Each structure stands twice: as C-alpha cells, then as structure tokens.
Amino acid sequence: MRDVSVNTDGTLNKEWVSKILALPKGVTLMTLDLPALRNRLAAQGQVRVAIVTRRFPDILAVTLQERTPVARIQAQDGFGRPKQLFVAREGIVYEGTGYDAKMVASLPWLDGIRLVRQGNSFAPIEGMAEVADLLTTAYVDAPHLYRSWLIVSLAQLASRDEIIVKSQDVGEIIFSRKLDFYKQIAQLDSVQEEARKHTDAALRSVNLSLAGQVPVKFERSPDELARQEYSPQFTLQPIKHKGQRDF
C-alpha cells in the first residue's frame, strides 16, 4: 500500500488518521480488514461517521464526518490533572483535536452532570439535544447574549425540566425545556434591556420557566431598590427571528 487518502468535513487530518489506524509497515491493500479499521476510527468520539474503502491500486481512502462540540467539560485525568473534554449534541463526550482556539473559548462549560465510564470512554450525557437547541437558538438569534454565557447546568434538567445558564450579566437564568426556547430568549433579551435602562443593580436571577411571567431578582436588596424609586415592570417584546442553524 502506498498511501492513505483522507477526506473530512472537520478538523481531523491525515496525520491523526494514520496514528489511529496504526497500519504496519509493508501492509498490502488487500490484506487490510476494512470493518476493523472503520470501527477503530468510529470509536473516537470526534468521529460521527467513518467510511474506509480501497482505491486501487494502492490507496486506502478514508472519509470522515465529524461531530461538532456544543459545550466543554473540565475533568481530571488519572493523575488528577485538569483535562478539557468536549460534548456533542448527541451527548457524546470526547477529547477533541484540531479545533480553533477562539471557537473553543466561545463554548460554555457544562455543569451539574456526572461522567460515567463506559469502556474506554464515557456514557452519553442525557438531555444534550435540548441543550444544543437552546445554545443554537441563542447563537443564531441573540449572539450578544450567547457570547456572555459561561456555564450551562443540567443539575435540574431531569427533576424539573430546567436548564440553568450562568452568564457574565446574570447570575442565574432558568430556562424550561418544555417551553419554546426562542420565546424564552426573547424574554431574556427584553428583561436585560429594561433592567439596564432603569437600574445599575446586577441581575441575580431571571426565571423564564413560568409561562406568562418572568420573576426577576437583583443583587441589591428590595429596600435598596425602593430607595431608587424603581419597581421593575418589564414589557416583553420578541426579538427579530432569524434562520436557525444547528450545531
């Protein structure tokens, strides 16, 4: 066999593929176990689909479809050292490679989850499809909000159907996976805008999980806010809808 040809829709390259395949020197094209090679590539979490074919006379052709990360996790390796992992829409947890540093820095951290070992990797994280929908909606329709989101917690997703976001501007934003994410984000945008107009008090929490009302708490006490002669009254206006783009 003379060479390995790699075609991918993401960041993985020929050097990475060759390392994973670990083909012995002098191997011939016809003696290769293609299903085994495909499984070896597919076992890498970053790979969603792997196709391995022979291209005669002497080329092994590899086509990859990659997963796109929607969040990241701060974990520890076997020696207790910090380790960054990525999570895809399907809940797959994996060690990513080749990603742009700015893209990685833009991903929120995932919290309120428990990593469970499953063979050489981790069991998929439940609820990530809803998290991906929320993040996609924010990314497309309210990028100015998305850029401030730091942490997404799933601690109350199973018990209360709530996704909790911690941002640079709001200590806690409570979303309901049972309500439309676009409408909830529009409400959040309106609440933050109105708050900025009327007070310099930081928002402690915004609860978007209750249809028809949005409870808001400020960092300052009610007495402090009363002395400012301000009582928050928010008129919720939807933001302009844009086309959706999935992660």
C-alpha atoms as a PDB file:
ATOM      1  CA  MET A   1       0.000   0.000   0.000  1.00  0.00           C
ATOM      2  CA  ARG A   2       1.379   3.384  -0.972  1.00  0.00           C
ATOM      3  CA  ASP A   3      -0.678   5.977   0.880  1.00  0.00           C
ATOM      4  CA  VAL A   4      -3.747   6.930   2.912  1.00  0.00           C
ATOM      5  CA  SER A   5      -6.145   9.487   1.460  1.00  0.00           C
ATOM      6  CA  VAL A   6      -8.292  11.420   3.957  1.00  0.00           C
ATOM      7  CA  ASN A   7     -11.407  13.464   3.257  1.00  0.00           C
ATOM      8  CA  THR A   8     -13.157  15.129   6.200  1.00  0.00           C
ATOM      9  CA  ASP A   9     -15.722  17.841   6.886  1.00  0.00           C
ATOM     10  CA  GLY A  10     -13.944  18.994  10.036  1.00  0.00           C
ATOM     11  CA  THR A  11     -10.500  19.432  11.545  1.00  0.00           C
ATOM     12  CA  LEU A  12      -9.063  15.910  11.587  1.00  0.00           C
ATOM     13  CA  ASN A  13      -6.151  15.357   9.228  1.00  0.00           C
ATOM     14  CA  LYS A  14      -4.091  12.625   7.632  1.00  0.00           C
ATOM     15  CA  GLU A  15      -1.557  12.500  10.473  1.00  0.00           C
ATOM     16  CA  TRP A  16      -4.312  11.924  13.038  1.00  0.00           C
ATOM     17  CA  VAL A  17      -5.959   9.208  10.920  1.00  0.00           C
ATOM     18  CA  SER A  18      -2.647   7.442  10.342  1.00  0.00           C
ATOM     19  CA  LYS A  19      -1.938   7.469  14.077  1.00  0.00           C
ATOM     20  CA  ILE A  20      -5.341   5.956  14.909  1.00  0.00           C
ATOM     21  CA  LEU A  21      -5.134   3.300  12.193  1.00  0.00           C
ATOM     22  CA  ALA A  22      -1.546   2.383  13.126  1.00  0.00           C
ATOM     23  CA  LEU A  23      -1.036   0.341   9.947  1.00  0.00           C
ATOM     24  CA  PRO A  24       2.039  -1.918   9.970  1.00  0.00           C
ATOM     25  CA  LYS A  25       4.799  -1.178   7.513  1.00  0.00           C
ATOM     26  CA  GLY A  26       4.629  -3.121   4.272  1.00  0.00           C
ATOM     27  CA  VAL A  27       0.915  -3.989   4.652  1.00  0.00           C
ATOM     28  CA  THR A  28      -0.880  -4.624   1.370  1.00  0.00           C
ATOM     29  CA  LEU A  29      -4.214  -3.105   0.416  1.00  0.00           C
ATOM     30  CA  MET A  30      -5.965  -6.476   0.041  1.00  0.00           C
ATOM     31  CA  THR A  31      -4.928  -7.748   3.457  1.00  0.00           C
ATOM     32  CA  LEU A  32      -6.483  -4.830   5.331  1.00  0.00           C
ATOM     33  CA  ASP A  33      -9.535  -5.553   7.497  1.00  0.00           C
ATOM     34  CA  LEU A  34     -11.707  -2.601   6.444  1.00  0.00           C
ATOM     35  CA  PRO A  35     -14.534  -3.108   9.019  1.00  0.00           C
ATOM     36  CA  ALA A  36     -11.965  -3.256  11.824  1.00  0.00           C
ATOM     37  CA  LEU A  37     -10.283  -0.077  10.595  1.00  0.00           C
ATOM     38  CA  ARG A  38     -13.650   1.667  10.318  1.00  0.00           C
ATOM     39  CA  ASN A  39     -14.545   0.645  13.877  1.00  0.00           C
ATOM     40  CA  ARG A  40     -11.202   1.906  15.131  1.00  0.00           C
ATOM     41  CA  LEU A  41     -11.919   5.341  13.700  1.00  0.00           C
ATOM     42  CA  ALA A  42     -15.566   5.378  14.769  1.00  0.00           C
ATOM     43  CA  ALA A  43     -14.519   4.605  18.348  1.00  0.00           C
ATOM     44  CA  GLN A  44     -13.014   8.096  18.504  1.00  0.00           C
ATOM     45  CA  GLY A  45     -15.704  10.392  19.851  1.00  0.00           C
ATOM     46  CA  GLN A  46     -14.923  13.183  17.416  1.00  0.00           C
ATOM     47  CA  VAL A  47     -15.845  10.898  14.509  1.00  0.00           C
ATOM     48  CA  ARG A  48     -19.556  10.587  13.779  1.00  0.00           C
ATOM     49  CA  VAL A  49     -19.264   8.508  10.599  1.00  0.00           C
ATOM     50  CA  ALA A  50     -16.226   6.737   9.135  1.00  0.00           C
ATOM     51  CA  ILE A  51     -16.046   5.193   5.663  1.00  0.00           C
ATOM     52  CA  VAL A  52     -12.970   3.183   4.668  1.00  0.00           C
ATOM     53  CA  THR A  53     -12.516   1.886   1.125  1.00  0.00           C
ATOM     54  CA  ARG A  54      -9.781   0.549  -1.160  1.00  0.00           C
ATOM     55  CA  ARG A  55      -8.767   2.743  -4.065  1.00  0.00           C
ATOM     56  CA  PHE A  56      -6.797   0.537  -6.384  1.00  0.00           C
ATOM     57  CA  PRO A  57      -4.040   0.003  -6.980  1.00  0.00           C
ATOM     58  CA  ASP A  58      -2.520   1.174  -3.675  1.00  0.00           C
ATOM     59  CA  ILE A  59      -4.533   3.864  -1.827  1.00  0.00           C
ATOM     60  CA  LEU A  60      -6.619   3.453   1.346  1.00  0.00           C
ATOM     61  CA  ALA A  61      -9.374   6.067   1.182  1.00  0.00           C
ATOM     62  CA  VAL A  62     -10.861   7.367   4.444  1.00  0.00           C
ATOM     63  CA  THR A  63     -13.895   9.668   4.594  1.00  0.00           C
ATOM     64  CA  LEU A  64     -14.931  11.149   7.928  1.00  0.00           C
ATOM     65  CA  GLN A  65     -17.918  13.089   9.180  1.00  0.00           C
ATOM     66  CA  GLU A  66     -17.108  14.803  12.444  1.00  0.00           C
ATOM     67  CA  ARG A  67     -19.145  15.809  15.454  1.00  0.00           C
ATOM     68  CA  THR A  68     -19.371  19.468  16.394  1.00  0.00           C
ATOM     69  CA  PRO A  69     -18.951  20.353  20.077  1.00  0.00           C
ATOM     70  CA  VAL A  70     -21.713  22.371  21.757  1.00  0.00           C
ATOM     71  CA  ALA A  71     -20.110  22.613  25.214  1.00  0.00           C
ATOM     72  CA  ARG A  72     -16.994  21.638  27.129  1.00  0.00           C
ATOM     73  CA  ILE A  73     -16.276  19.941  30.440  1.00  0.00           C
ATOM     74  CA  GLN A  74     -13.472  20.475  32.922  1.00  0.00           C
ATOM     75  CA  ALA A  75     -12.484  16.988  34.076  1.00  0.00           C
ATOM     76  CA  GLN A  76      -9.411  15.315  35.552  1.00  0.00           C
ATOM     77  CA  ASP A  77      -7.182  12.636  34.120  1.00  0.00           C
ATOM     78  CA  GLY A  78      -5.989   9.583  36.044  1.00  0.00           C
ATOM     79  CA  PHE A  79      -3.291  11.669  37.728  1.00  0.00           C
ATOM     80  CA  GLY A  80      -5.674  14.376  38.942  1.00  0.00           C
ATOM     81  CA  ARG A  81      -4.579  16.894  36.338  1.00  0.00           C
ATOM     82  CA  PRO A  82      -7.202  19.153  34.699  1.00  0.00           C
ATOM     83  CA  LYS A  83      -8.408  17.952  31.340  1.00  0.00           C
ATOM     84  CA  GLN A  84     -10.733  19.635  28.873  1.00  0.00           C
ATOM     85  CA  LEU A  85     -13.341  17.460  27.160  1.00  0.00           C
ATOM     86  CA  PHE A  86     -15.968  18.287  24.577  1.00  0.00           C
ATOM     87  CA  VAL A  87     -19.643  17.335  24.362  1.00  0.00           C
ATOM     88  CA  ALA A  88     -21.608  16.943  21.126  1.00  0.00           C
ATOM     89  CA  ARG A  89     -25.325  17.300  20.535  1.00  0.00           C
ATOM     90  CA  GLU A  90     -25.779  13.543  20.926  1.00  0.00           C
ATOM     91  CA  GLY A  91     -24.293  13.732  24.425  1.00  0.00           C
ATOM     92  CA  ILE A  92     -21.050  12.097  23.294  1.00  0.00           C
ATOM     93  CA  VAL A  93     -18.074  13.151  25.441  1.00  0.00           C
ATOM     94  CA  TYR A  94     -14.700  13.147  23.734  1.00  0.00           C
ATOM     95  CA  GLU A  95     -11.211  14.622  23.530  1.00  0.00           C
ATOM     96  CA  GLY A  96     -11.271  16.989  20.594  1.00  0.00           C
ATOM     97  CA  THR A  97      -8.326  17.822  18.406  1.00  0.00           C
ATOM     98  CA  GLY A  98      -7.596  20.481  15.817  1.00  0.00           C
ATOM     99  CA  TYR A  99     -10.225  22.967  16.975  1.00  0.00           C
ATOM    100  CA  ASP A 100      -9.719  26.700  16.590  1.00  0.00           C
ATOM    101  CA  ALA A 101      -8.799  28.275  19.927  1.00  0.00           C
ATOM    102  CA  LYS A 102     -11.364  31.080  19.570  1.00  0.00           C
ATOM    103  CA  MET A 103     -14.125  28.591  18.866  1.00  0.00           C
ATOM    104  CA  VAL A 104     -13.175  26.557  21.925  1.00  0.00           C
ATOM    105  CA  ALA A 105     -13.119  29.667  24.117  1.00  0.00           C
ATOM    106  CA  SER A 106     -16.641  30.559  22.948  1.00  0.00           C
ATOM    107  CA  LEU A 107     -18.119  27.257  24.165  1.00  0.00           C
ATOM    108  CA  PRO A 108     -19.856  27.349  27.564  1.00  0.00           C
ATOM    109  CA  TRP A 109     -18.765  24.978  30.317  1.00  0.00           C
ATOM    110  CA  LEU A 110     -21.111  22.173  31.276  1.00  0.00           C
ATOM    111  CA  ASP A 111     -22.011  21.670  34.937  1.00  0.00           C
ATOM    112  CA  GLY A 112     -24.419  19.597  37.022  1.00  0.00           C
ATOM    113  CA  ILE A 113     -23.548  16.348  35.271  1.00  0.00           C
ATOM    114  CA  ARG A 114     -21.836  13.119  36.275  1.00  0.00           C
ATOM    115  CA  LEU A 115     -19.368  11.469  33.947  1.00  0.00           C
ATOM    116  CA  VAL A 116     -19.782   7.687  33.912  1.00  0.00           C
ATOM    117  CA  ARG A 117     -17.088   5.480  32.453  1.00  0.00           C
ATOM    118  CA  GLN A 118     -18.211   3.207  29.626  1.00  0.00           C
ATOM    119  CA  GLY A 119     -15.342   1.101  28.370  1.00  0.00           C
ATOM    120  CA  ASN A 120     -12.572   3.406  27.217  1.00  0.00           C
ATOM    121  CA  SER A 121     -14.858   6.430  27.002  1.00  0.00           C
ATOM    122  CA  PHE A 122     -17.865   7.904  28.805  1.00  0.00           C
ATOM    123  CA  ALA A 123     -21.584   7.189  28.687  1.00  0.00           C
ATOM    124  CA  PRO A 124     -23.519   9.814  26.683  1.00  0.00           C
ATOM    125  CA  ILE A 125     -24.934  12.712  28.692  1.00  0.00           C
ATOM    126  CA  GLU A 126     -28.727  12.748  28.618  1.00  0.00           C
ATOM    127  CA  GLY A 127     -30.523  15.934  27.669  1.00  0.00           C
ATOM    128  CA  MET A 128     -27.823  17.348  25.422  1.00  0.00           C
ATOM    129  CA  ALA A 129     -30.199  17.584  22.443  1.00  0.00           C
ATOM    130  CA  GLU A 130     -32.268  20.155  24.353  1.00  0.00           C
ATOM    131  CA  VAL A 131     -29.129  21.969  25.489  1.00  0.00           C
ATOM    132  CA  ALA A 132     -27.914  22.101  21.884  1.00  0.00           C
ATOM    133  CA  ASP A 133     -31.278  23.502  20.749  1.00  0.00           C
ATOM    134  CA  LEU A 134     -31.067  26.240  23.385  1.00  0.00           C
ATOM    135  CA  LEU A 135     -27.482  27.141  22.514  1.00  0.00           C
ATOM    136  CA  THR A 136     -28.177  27.114  18.782  1.00  0.00           C
ATOM    137  CA  THR A 137     -31.162  29.420  19.192  1.00  0.00           C
ATOM    138  CA  ALA A 138     -29.132  31.855  21.288  1.00  0.00           C
ATOM    139  CA  TYR A 139     -26.158  31.680  18.918  1.00  0.00           C
ATOM    140  CA  VAL A 140     -28.297  32.479  15.869  1.00  0.00           C
ATOM    141  CA  ASP A 141     -30.985  34.830  17.213  1.00  0.00           C
ATOM    142  CA  ALA A 142     -29.224  36.559  20.114  1.00  0.00           C
ATOM    143  CA  PRO A 143     -25.446  36.268  19.673  1.00  0.00           C
ATOM    144  CA  HIS A 144     -24.904  39.214  22.030  1.00  0.00           C
ATOM    145  CA  LEU A 145     -26.481  37.111  24.785  1.00  0.00           C
ATOM    146  CA  TYR A 146     -24.785  33.861  23.783  1.00  0.00           C
ATOM    147  CA  ARG A 147     -21.332  35.444  23.965  1.00  0.00           C
ATOM    148  CA  SER A 148     -21.872  36.194  27.654  1.00  0.00           C
ATOM    149  CA  TRP A 149     -22.960  32.663  28.638  1.00  0.00           C
ATOM    150  CA  LEU A 150     -20.307  30.984  30.758  1.00  0.00           C
ATOM    151  CA  ILE A 151     -21.824  27.850  32.319  1.00  0.00           C
ATOM    152  CA  VAL A 152     -24.783  25.614  31.452  1.00  0.00           C
ATOM    153  CA  SER A 153     -26.012  23.420  34.298  1.00  0.00           C
ATOM    154  CA  LEU A 154     -28.088  20.264  33.865  1.00  0.00           C
ATOM    155  CA  ALA A 155     -28.468  19.740  37.613  1.00  0.00           C
ATOM    156  CA  GLN A 156     -32.237  20.296  37.485  1.00  0.00           C
ATOM    157  CA  LEU A 157     -32.950  19.016  33.985  1.00  0.00           C
ATOM    158  CA  ALA A 158     -34.168  15.551  34.945  1.00  0.00           C
ATOM    159  CA  SER A 159     -36.094  16.591  38.058  1.00  0.00           C
ATOM    160  CA  ARG A 160     -37.585  19.933  36.968  1.00  0.00           C
ATOM    161  CA  ASP A 161     -37.032  20.140  33.191  1.00  0.00           C
ATOM    162  CA  GLU A 162     -34.861  23.221  33.734  1.00  0.00           C
ATOM    163  CA  ILE A 163     -31.621  24.271  32.072  1.00  0.00           C
ATOM    164  CA  ILE A 164     -29.727  26.832  34.137  1.00  0.00           C
ATOM    165  CA  VAL A 165     -27.335  29.259  32.468  1.00  0.00           C
ATOM    166  CA  LYS A 166     -24.825  31.463  34.281  1.00  0.00           C
ATOM    167  CA  SER A 167     -23.687  34.453  32.266  1.00  0.00           C
ATOM    168  CA  GLN A 168     -21.440  37.467  32.682  1.00  0.00           C
ATOM    169  CA  ASP A 169     -24.533  39.641  33.162  1.00  0.00           C
ATOM    170  CA  VAL A 170     -26.944  37.397  35.100  1.00  0.00           C
ATOM    171  CA  GLY A 171     -26.051  35.071  37.946  1.00  0.00           C
ATOM    172  CA  GLU A 172     -28.712  32.513  37.062  1.00  0.00           C
ATOM    173  CA  ILE A 173     -31.014  32.214  34.038  1.00  0.00           C
ATOM    174  CA  ILE A 174     -33.606  29.451  34.289  1.00  0.00           C
ATOM    175  CA  PHE A 175     -34.934  28.016  31.023  1.00  0.00           C
ATOM    176  CA  SER A 176     -37.627  25.358  30.679  1.00  0.00           C
ATOM    177  CA  ARG A 177     -37.117  22.650  28.080  1.00  0.00           C
ATOM    178  CA  LYS A 178     -40.916  22.389  27.865  1.00  0.00           C
ATOM    179  CA  LEU A 179     -41.274  25.957  26.548  1.00  0.00           C
ATOM    180  CA  ASP A 180     -40.168  27.475  23.269  1.00  0.00           C
ATOM    181  CA  PHE A 181     -36.500  28.468  23.522  1.00  0.00           C
ATOM    182  CA  TYR A 182     -36.851  31.318  21.028  1.00  0.00           C
ATOM    183  CA  LYS A 183     -39.588  32.969  23.097  1.00  0.00           C
ATOM    184  CA  GLN A 184     -37.655  32.491  26.330  1.00  0.00           C
ATOM    185  CA  ILE A 185     -34.544  34.081  24.829  1.00  0.00           C
ATOM    186  CA  ALA A 186     -36.645  36.975  23.509  1.00  0.00           C
ATOM    187  CA  GLN A 187     -37.991  37.487  27.024  1.00  0.00           C
ATOM    188  CA  LEU A 188     -34.478  37.380  28.471  1.00  0.00           C
ATOM    189  CA  ASP A 189     -33.267  39.959  25.963  1.00  0.00           C
ATOM    190  CA  SER A 190     -36.162  42.268  26.853  1.00  0.00           C
ATOM    191  CA  VAL A 191     -35.668  41.861  30.599  1.00  0.00           C
ATOM    192  CA  GLN A 192     -31.943  42.620  30.415  1.00  0.00           C
ATOM    193  CA  GLU A 193     -32.534  45.643  28.203  1.00  0.00           C
ATOM    194  CA  GLU A 194     -35.200  47.079  30.515  1.00  0.00           C
ATOM    195  CA  ALA A 195     -33.047  46.441  33.575  1.00  0.00           C
ATOM    196  CA  ARG A 196     -30.133  48.331  32.020  1.00  0.00           C
ATOM    197  CA  LYS A 197     -32.416  51.303  31.323  1.00  0.00           C
ATOM    198  CA  HIS A 198     -33.712  51.668  34.861  1.00  0.00           C
ATOM    199  CA  THR A 199     -31.093  50.471  37.337  1.00  0.00           C
ATOM    200  CA  ASP A 200     -27.422  49.741  37.723  1.00  0.00           C
ATOM    201  CA  ALA A 201     -28.196  46.800  40.020  1.00  0.00           C
ATOM    202  CA  ALA A 202     -26.927  43.493  38.667  1.00  0.00           C
ATOM    203  CA  LEU A 203     -29.452  40.793  37.857  1.00  0.00           C
ATOM    204  CA  ARG A 204     -29.137  37.896  40.276  1.00  0.00           C
ATOM    205  CA  SER A 205     -31.650  35.625  38.531  1.00  0.00           C
ATOM    206  CA  VAL A 206     -34.185  35.573  35.708  1.00  0.00           C
ATOM    207  CA  ASN A 207     -36.726  32.739  35.727  1.00  0.00           C
ATOM    208  CA  LEU A 208     -38.090  32.027  32.242  1.00  0.00           C
ATOM    209  CA  SER A 209     -39.592  28.643  33.121  1.00  0.00           C
ATOM    210  CA  LEU A 210     -43.008  30.018  34.120  1.00  0.00           C
ATOM    211  CA  ALA A 211     -45.287  30.690  31.155  1.00  0.00           C
ATOM    212  CA  GLY A 212     -46.778  34.186  31.286  1.00  0.00           C
ATOM    213  CA  GLN A 213     -44.485  35.676  33.945  1.00  0.00           C
ATOM    214  CA  VAL A 214     -40.777  36.252  34.464  1.00  0.00           C
ATOM    215  CA  PRO A 215     -39.682  36.538  38.116  1.00  0.00           C
ATOM    216  CA  VAL A 216     -36.534  38.649  38.418  1.00  0.00           C
ATOM    217  CA  LYS A 217     -34.146  39.115  41.360  1.00  0.00           C
ATOM    218  CA  PHE A 218     -31.488  41.778  41.703  1.00  0.00           C
ATOM    219  CA  GLU A 219     -28.236  41.730  43.619  1.00  0.00           C
ATOM    220  CA  ARG A 220     -29.389  44.695  45.650  1.00  0.00           C
ATOM    221  CA  SER A 221     -31.996  44.254  48.353  1.00  0.00           C
ATOM    222  CA  PRO A 222     -35.645  45.365  47.873  1.00  0.00           C
ATOM    223  CA  ASP A 223     -35.032  48.269  50.278  1.00  0.00           C
ATOM    224  CA  GLU A 224     -32.104  49.500  48.244  1.00  0.00           C
ATOM    225  CA  LEU A 225     -34.139  49.297  45.055  1.00  0.00           C
ATOM    226  CA  ALA A 226     -37.079  51.078  46.724  1.00  0.00           C
ATOM    227  CA  ARG A 227     -34.803  53.971  47.679  1.00  0.00           C
ATOM    228  CA  GLN A 228     -34.104  54.326  43.965  1.00  0.00           C
ATOM    229  CA  GLU A 229     -37.881  54.663  43.459  1.00  0.00           C
ATOM    230  CA  TYR A 230     -37.787  51.926  40.871  1.00  0.00           C
ATOM    231  CA  SER A 231     -40.039  48.916  40.604  1.00  0.00           C
ATOM    232  CA  PRO A 232     -39.195  46.689  37.635  1.00  0.00           C
ATOM    233  CA  GLN A 233     -42.024  46.419  35.127  1.00  0.00           C
ATOM    234  CA  PHE A 234     -40.943  44.566  32.027  1.00  0.00           C
ATOM    235  CA  THR A 235     -42.784  44.673  28.705  1.00  0.00           C
ATOM    236  CA  LEU A 236     -41.653  41.600  26.828  1.00  0.00           C
ATOM    237  CA  GLN A 237     -41.022  42.111  23.121  1.00  0.00           C
ATOM    238  CA  PRO A 238     -39.795  39.303  20.850  1.00  0.00           C
ATOM    239  CA  ILE A 239     -36.556  39.827  19.038  1.00  0.00           C
ATOM    240  CA  LYS A 240     -36.484  39.570  15.250  1.00  0.00           C
ATOM    241  CA  HIS A 241     -36.409  35.927  14.234  1.00  0.00           C
ATOM    242  CA  LYS A 242     -33.554  34.665  12.065  1.00  0.00           C
ATOM    243  CA  GLY A 243     -32.964  31.386  10.330  1.00  0.00           C
ATOM    244  CA  GLN A 244     -31.926  28.538  12.614  1.00  0.00           C
ATOM    245  CA  ARG A 245     -28.562  26.867  12.368  1.00  0.00           C
ATOM    246  CA  ASP A 246     -27.892  23.655  14.245  1.00  0.00           C
ATOM    247  CA  PHE A 247     -24.587  22.950  15.942  1.00  0.00           C
END
